[in-house]
Amino acid sequence: MTKTYEEIERLVAAELDLIRDAARREELRRYLVEPRLVMLGWDYGDPDELPCWLIGRRSDGRYDLVYCDDGFGPSFPWGCVFPDEASMGMDAQWSVGLENAAIKAGLLDAPPGYQEPGSREGA
């Protein structure tokens, strides 16, 4: 079931609170946009489109940050997708948290020794 606008706002705020470094948190906040429900294509069977929340965008338009309960969620609900494709993309584009998705999208640098939690790489 798709979350409401208010639930997404609270979820984004909770994810920001998980970022301990204030400068890093503010850096990510610069890329956030007002949450907007979008439909993204799903290439792995029915349904053809899934409701997702657009919550951020790179200034060059290369990636959007989205949240989706379906598809790769609930395990990997935070994605960085290509806006011109209107697709959820591949599983490697999805993460366990907003900060992790922002790193994938190039909005934040990975900290030294960073390893994505719950990464599917090598699985």
N, C-alpha and C. Protein backbone atom coordinates (compact mmCIF):
# COMPACT_ATOMS: atom_id res chain seq x y z
N MET A 1 0.84 -1.18 0.00
CA MET A 1 0.00 0.00 0.00
C MET A 1 0.89 1.25 0.00
N THR A 2 0.56 2.17 -0.86
CA THR A 2 1.34 3.39 -1.00
C THR A 2 1.15 4.30 0.21
N LYS A 3 2.24 4.85 0.68
CA LYS A 3 2.20 5.77 1.82
C LYS A 3 1.55 7.09 1.41
N THR A 4 1.08 7.83 2.40
CA THR A 4 0.51 9.15 2.16
C THR A 4 1.64 10.18 2.09
N TYR A 5 1.29 11.36 1.63
CA TYR A 5 2.23 12.47 1.57
C TYR A 5 2.82 12.74 2.96
N GLU A 6 1.98 12.77 3.98
CA GLU A 6 2.43 13.04 5.34
C GLU A 6 3.37 11.94 5.84
N GLU A 7 3.06 10.69 5.51
CA GLU A 7 3.94 9.59 5.92
C GLU A 7 5.30 9.69 5.25
N ILE A 8 5.32 10.09 3.99
CA ILE A 8 6.59 10.26 3.27
C ILE A 8 7.40 11.40 3.88
N GLU A 9 6.75 12.50 4.20
CA GLU A 9 7.47 13.61 4.84
C GLU A 9 8.11 13.16 6.14
N ARG A 10 7.37 12.41 6.96
CA ARG A 10 7.92 11.91 8.23
C ARG A 10 9.06 10.91 7.98
N LEU A 11 8.91 10.06 6.99
CA LEU A 11 9.93 9.07 6.67
C LEU A 11 11.23 9.74 6.20
N VAL A 12 11.11 10.72 5.34
CA VAL A 12 12.29 11.46 4.87
C VAL A 12 12.96 12.16 6.05
N ALA A 13 12.18 12.80 6.91
CA ALA A 13 12.75 13.47 8.09
C ALA A 13 13.47 12.47 8.99
N ALA A 14 12.89 11.29 9.18
CA ALA A 14 13.54 10.26 10.01
C ALA A 14 14.84 9.78 9.36
N GLU A 15 14.86 9.64 8.06
CA GLU A 15 16.08 9.22 7.37
C GLU A 15 17.16 10.30 7.49
N LEU A 16 16.78 11.56 7.38
CA LEU A 16 17.75 12.66 7.56
C LEU A 16 18.32 12.64 8.97
N ASP A 17 17.49 12.35 9.95
CA ASP A 17 17.95 12.30 11.34
C ASP A 17 18.98 11.19 11.57
N LEU A 18 19.00 10.19 10.72
CA LEU A 18 19.97 9.10 10.85
C LEU A 18 21.38 9.52 10.41
N ILE A 19 21.47 10.63 9.68
CA ILE A 19 22.77 11.12 9.22
C ILE A 19 23.37 11.95 10.35
N ARG A 20 24.39 11.43 10.97
CA ARG A 20 24.96 12.07 12.16
C ARG A 20 25.68 13.38 11.87
N ASP A 21 26.38 13.45 10.76
CA ASP A 21 27.14 14.64 10.41
C ASP A 21 26.19 15.72 9.88
N ALA A 22 26.10 16.84 10.59
CA ALA A 22 25.15 17.90 10.25
C ALA A 22 25.42 18.49 8.86
N ALA A 23 26.69 18.67 8.50
CA ALA A 23 27.02 19.23 7.19
C ALA A 23 26.57 18.29 6.08
N ARG A 24 26.77 17.01 6.29
CA ARG A 24 26.36 15.99 5.31
C ARG A 24 24.82 15.97 5.18
N ARG A 25 24.15 16.07 6.30
CA ARG A 25 22.68 16.09 6.32
C ARG A 25 22.16 17.29 5.54
N GLU A 26 22.77 18.47 5.77
CA GLU A 26 22.35 19.68 5.06
C GLU A 26 22.67 19.61 3.57
N GLU A 27 23.78 18.97 3.23
CA GLU A 27 24.14 18.79 1.82
C GLU A 27 23.05 17.98 1.11
N LEU A 28 22.60 16.90 1.73
CA LEU A 28 21.54 16.09 1.13
C LEU A 28 20.22 16.87 1.08
N ARG A 29 19.92 17.61 2.11
CA ARG A 29 18.68 18.38 2.17
C ARG A 29 18.55 19.33 0.96
N ARG A 30 19.66 19.83 0.45
CA ARG A 30 19.64 20.75 -0.70
C ARG A 30 19.03 20.10 -1.94
N TYR A 31 19.12 18.78 -2.05
CA TYR A 31 18.63 18.08 -3.24
C TYR A 31 17.19 17.59 -3.11
N LEU A 32 16.63 17.72 -1.93
CA LEU A 32 15.27 17.23 -1.73
C LEU A 32 14.26 18.16 -2.37
N VAL A 33 13.18 17.58 -2.83
CA VAL A 33 12.08 18.33 -3.43
C VAL A 33 10.80 17.99 -2.68
N GLU A 34 9.77 18.77 -2.90
CA GLU A 34 8.49 18.44 -2.29
C GLU A 34 8.06 17.07 -2.83
N PRO A 35 7.71 16.15 -1.94
CA PRO A 35 7.33 14.80 -2.40
C PRO A 35 6.17 14.85 -3.40
N ARG A 36 6.33 14.02 -4.45
CA ARG A 36 5.31 13.96 -5.50
C ARG A 36 5.17 12.51 -5.93
N LEU A 37 3.95 12.04 -6.01
CA LEU A 37 3.69 10.67 -6.43
C LEU A 37 3.91 10.55 -7.93
N VAL A 38 4.70 9.55 -8.32
CA VAL A 38 4.98 9.28 -9.74
C VAL A 38 4.77 7.78 -9.99
N MET A 39 4.52 7.44 -11.22
CA MET A 39 4.37 6.03 -11.61
C MET A 39 5.62 5.63 -12.39
N LEU A 40 6.26 4.55 -11.93
CA LEU A 40 7.48 4.08 -12.59
C LEU A 40 7.26 2.67 -13.14
N GLY A 41 7.86 2.43 -14.28
CA GLY A 41 7.75 1.13 -14.92
C GLY A 41 8.46 0.06 -14.13
N TRP A 42 7.95 -1.16 -14.22
CA TRP A 42 8.47 -2.33 -13.51
C TRP A 42 8.74 -3.39 -14.56
N ASP A 43 10.00 -3.76 -14.74
CA ASP A 43 10.40 -4.69 -15.79
C ASP A 43 10.40 -6.15 -15.37
N TYR A 44 9.98 -6.43 -14.15
CA TYR A 44 10.10 -7.79 -13.62
C TYR A 44 8.75 -8.48 -13.47
N GLY A 45 7.83 -8.22 -14.35
CA GLY A 45 6.51 -8.84 -14.28
C GLY A 45 5.45 -7.83 -13.93
N ASP A 46 4.24 -8.33 -13.68
CA ASP A 46 3.11 -7.45 -13.35
C ASP A 46 3.34 -6.77 -12.02
N PRO A 47 2.86 -5.59 -11.79
CA PRO A 47 2.21 -4.69 -12.73
C PRO A 47 3.22 -3.94 -13.58
N ASP A 48 2.73 -3.26 -14.62
CA ASP A 48 3.61 -2.51 -15.52
C ASP A 48 4.16 -1.24 -14.88
N GLU A 49 3.41 -0.68 -13.94
CA GLU A 49 3.84 0.54 -13.26
C GLU A 49 3.56 0.44 -11.77
N LEU A 50 4.44 1.08 -11.00
CA LEU A 50 4.28 1.08 -9.55
C LEU A 50 4.28 2.51 -9.04
N PRO A 51 3.44 2.82 -8.04
CA PRO A 51 3.45 4.16 -7.46
C PRO A 51 4.68 4.35 -6.57
N CYS A 52 5.41 5.43 -6.82
CA CYS A 52 6.62 5.77 -6.06
C CYS A 52 6.56 7.25 -5.73
N TRP A 53 7.31 7.64 -4.71
CA TRP A 53 7.38 9.04 -4.32
C TRP A 53 8.71 9.63 -4.76
N LEU A 54 8.66 10.65 -5.61
CA LEU A 54 9.84 11.42 -5.98
C LEU A 54 10.15 12.31 -4.80
N ILE A 55 11.37 12.22 -4.25
CA ILE A 55 11.69 13.03 -3.07
C ILE A 55 12.97 13.86 -3.25
N GLY A 56 13.72 13.62 -4.33
CA GLY A 56 14.94 14.38 -4.55
C GLY A 56 15.39 14.32 -5.99
N ARG A 57 16.25 15.27 -6.35
CA ARG A 57 16.72 15.33 -7.74
C ARG A 57 18.10 15.97 -7.79
N ARG A 58 18.98 15.33 -8.56
CA ARG A 58 20.28 15.95 -8.82
C ARG A 58 20.06 17.20 -9.65
N SER A 59 20.85 18.23 -9.40
CA SER A 59 20.66 19.50 -10.10
C SER A 59 20.89 19.37 -11.60
N ASP A 60 21.68 18.39 -12.03
CA ASP A 60 21.89 18.19 -13.46
C ASP A 60 20.82 17.30 -14.09
N GLY A 61 19.85 16.84 -13.29
CA GLY A 61 18.76 16.02 -13.79
C GLY A 61 19.13 14.59 -14.12
N ARG A 62 20.33 14.18 -13.74
CA ARG A 62 20.80 12.83 -14.08
C ARG A 62 20.11 11.74 -13.28
N TYR A 63 19.81 12.00 -12.01
CA TYR A 63 19.15 11.02 -11.15
C TYR A 63 18.05 11.67 -10.34
N ASP A 64 17.01 10.88 -10.07
CA ASP A 64 15.99 11.24 -9.11
C ASP A 64 16.10 10.30 -7.93
N LEU A 65 15.82 10.79 -6.75
CA LEU A 65 15.71 9.95 -5.56
C LEU A 65 14.23 9.65 -5.35
N VAL A 66 13.93 8.40 -5.15
CA VAL A 66 12.53 7.99 -4.98
C VAL A 66 12.40 7.01 -3.83
N TYR A 67 11.18 6.90 -3.34
CA TYR A 67 10.83 5.92 -2.33
C TYR A 67 9.68 5.10 -2.88
N CYS A 68 9.74 3.77 -2.69
CA CYS A 68 8.67 2.91 -3.16
C CYS A 68 8.52 1.71 -2.22
N ASP A 69 7.29 1.49 -1.76
CA ASP A 69 6.99 0.33 -0.92
C ASP A 69 7.01 -0.97 -1.71
N ASP A 70 6.71 -0.88 -2.99
CA ASP A 70 6.60 -2.06 -3.85
C ASP A 70 7.88 -2.26 -4.64
N GLY A 71 7.87 -3.23 -5.51
CA GLY A 71 9.05 -3.48 -6.34
C GLY A 71 10.18 -4.02 -5.50
N PHE A 72 11.24 -3.25 -5.35
CA PHE A 72 12.40 -3.69 -4.57
C PHE A 72 12.19 -3.46 -3.07
N GLY A 73 11.16 -2.69 -2.72
CA GLY A 73 10.79 -2.52 -1.32
C GLY A 73 10.00 -3.73 -0.88
N PRO A 74 9.85 -3.96 0.39
CA PRO A 74 10.25 -3.09 1.49
C PRO A 74 11.71 -3.23 1.89
N SER A 75 12.43 -4.24 1.39
CA SER A 75 13.83 -4.40 1.80
C SER A 75 14.73 -3.29 1.27
N PHE A 76 14.48 -2.83 0.05
CA PHE A 76 15.29 -1.80 -0.60
C PHE A 76 14.36 -0.72 -1.16
N PRO A 77 13.75 0.10 -0.29
CA PRO A 77 12.71 1.03 -0.74
C PRO A 77 13.21 2.36 -1.31
N TRP A 78 14.51 2.67 -1.15
CA TRP A 78 15.04 3.96 -1.59
C TRP A 78 15.83 3.76 -2.87
N GLY A 79 15.44 4.48 -3.92
CA GLY A 79 16.09 4.29 -5.21
C GLY A 79 16.65 5.56 -5.79
N CYS A 80 17.63 5.37 -6.67
CA CYS A 80 18.11 6.46 -7.53
C CYS A 80 17.85 5.99 -8.95
N VAL A 81 16.97 6.69 -9.63
CA VAL A 81 16.50 6.27 -10.95
C VAL A 81 16.80 7.35 -11.98
N PHE A 82 16.78 6.93 -13.24
CA PHE A 82 16.99 7.86 -14.34
C PHE A 82 15.64 8.47 -14.71
N PRO A 83 15.46 9.78 -14.52
CA PRO A 83 14.14 10.39 -14.74
C PRO A 83 13.63 10.28 -16.17
N ASP A 84 14.52 10.25 -17.15
CA ASP A 84 14.07 10.19 -18.54
C ASP A 84 13.59 8.79 -18.93
N GLU A 85 13.80 7.79 -18.08
CA GLU A 85 13.37 6.43 -18.40
C GLU A 85 12.04 6.06 -17.74
N ALA A 86 11.60 6.78 -16.73
CA ALA A 86 10.36 6.48 -16.01
C ALA A 86 10.27 5.01 -15.64
N SER A 87 11.39 4.48 -15.17
CA SER A 87 11.48 3.06 -14.81
C SER A 87 12.13 2.93 -13.44
N MET A 88 11.79 1.85 -12.76
CA MET A 88 12.43 1.57 -11.48
C MET A 88 13.86 1.09 -11.67
N GLY A 89 14.22 0.74 -12.88
CA GLY A 89 15.58 0.33 -13.17
C GLY A 89 15.92 -1.04 -12.60
N MET A 90 17.19 -1.21 -12.28
CA MET A 90 17.69 -2.49 -11.79
C MET A 90 17.79 -2.49 -10.27
N ASP A 91 17.91 -3.68 -9.69
CA ASP A 91 17.97 -3.79 -8.23
C ASP A 91 19.18 -3.06 -7.66
N ALA A 92 20.27 -2.94 -8.41
CA ALA A 92 21.46 -2.24 -7.92
C ALA A 92 21.23 -0.75 -7.72
N GLN A 93 20.13 -0.22 -8.22
CA GLN A 93 19.80 1.19 -8.05
C GLN A 93 19.00 1.45 -6.78
N TRP A 94 18.74 0.41 -5.98
CA TRP A 94 17.88 0.53 -4.81
C TRP A 94 18.66 0.22 -3.54
N SER A 95 18.29 0.89 -2.46
CA SER A 95 19.05 0.85 -1.21
C SER A 95 18.14 0.71 0.00
N VAL A 96 18.78 0.40 1.12
CA VAL A 96 18.05 0.25 2.38
C VAL A 96 17.70 1.60 3.01
N GLY A 97 18.42 2.66 2.66
CA GLY A 97 18.19 3.97 3.27
C GLY A 97 18.40 5.11 2.30
N LEU A 98 17.88 6.28 2.67
CA LEU A 98 17.99 7.47 1.84
C LEU A 98 19.44 7.88 1.63
N GLU A 99 20.24 7.87 2.69
CA GLU A 99 21.65 8.25 2.55
C GLU A 99 22.37 7.34 1.55
N ASN A 100 22.07 6.05 1.60
CA ASN A 100 22.70 5.10 0.68
C ASN A 100 22.30 5.38 -0.77
N ALA A 101 21.03 5.70 -0.99
CA ALA A 101 20.57 6.04 -2.33
C ALA A 101 21.23 7.32 -2.81
N ALA A 102 21.42 8.29 -1.91
CA ALA A 102 22.07 9.55 -2.27
C ALA A 102 23.53 9.32 -2.65
N ILE A 103 24.19 8.39 -2.01
CA ILE A 103 25.57 8.05 -2.38
C ILE A 103 25.58 7.45 -3.78
N LYS A 104 24.66 6.53 -4.06
CA LYS A 104 24.57 5.93 -5.40
C LYS A 104 24.31 6.97 -6.48
N ALA A 105 23.51 7.98 -6.14
CA ALA A 105 23.16 9.02 -7.11
C ALA A 105 24.26 10.07 -7.25
N GLY A 106 25.32 9.98 -6.44
CA GLY A 106 26.40 10.94 -6.51
C GLY A 106 26.09 12.26 -5.82
N LEU A 107 25.06 12.27 -4.98
CA LEU A 107 24.73 13.48 -4.23
C LEU A 107 25.60 13.64 -3.00
N LEU A 108 26.04 12.53 -2.45
CA LEU A 108 26.93 12.52 -1.30
C LEU A 108 28.12 11.62 -1.60
N ASP A 109 29.30 12.00 -1.11
CA ASP A 109 30.46 11.14 -1.21
C ASP A 109 30.32 9.99 -0.22
N ALA A 110 30.83 8.85 -0.60
CA ALA A 110 30.85 7.71 0.32
C ALA A 110 31.92 7.97 1.37
N PRO A 111 31.60 7.76 2.65
CA PRO A 111 32.62 7.95 3.69
C PRO A 111 33.71 6.89 3.56
N PRO A 112 34.89 7.15 4.12
CA PRO A 112 35.97 6.17 4.06
C PRO A 112 35.51 4.82 4.63
N GLY A 113 35.83 3.75 3.92
CA GLY A 113 35.49 2.41 4.36
C GLY A 113 34.02 2.06 4.19
N TYR A 114 33.28 2.88 3.45
CA TYR A 114 31.84 2.68 3.28
C TYR A 114 31.55 1.34 2.59
N GLN A 115 30.61 0.64 3.15
CA GLN A 115 30.05 -0.54 2.53
C GLN A 115 28.54 -0.45 2.71
N GLU A 116 27.82 -0.52 1.62
CA GLU A 116 26.36 -0.34 1.71
C GLU A 116 25.72 -1.43 2.54
N PRO A 117 24.93 -1.05 3.54
CA PRO A 117 24.22 -2.06 4.34
C PRO A 117 23.24 -2.85 3.48
N GLY A 118 23.23 -4.15 3.67
CA GLY A 118 22.30 -5.01 2.95
C GLY A 118 22.60 -5.13 1.47
N SER A 119 23.80 -4.74 1.05
CA SER A 119 24.15 -4.78 -0.36
C SER A 119 23.96 -6.17 -0.94
N ARG A 120 23.45 -6.19 -2.15
CA ARG A 120 23.24 -7.45 -2.86
C ARG A 120 24.50 -7.87 -3.64
N GLU A 121 25.48 -6.99 -3.69
CA GLU A 121 26.71 -7.32 -4.44
C GLU A 121 27.37 -8.52 -3.81
N GLY A 122 27.77 -9.43 -4.66
CA GLY A 122 28.45 -10.63 -4.19
C GLY A 122 27.48 -11.69 -3.70
N ALA A 123 26.19 -11.40 -3.76
CA ALA A 123 25.19 -12.38 -3.31
C ALA A 123 24.89 -13.40 -4.37
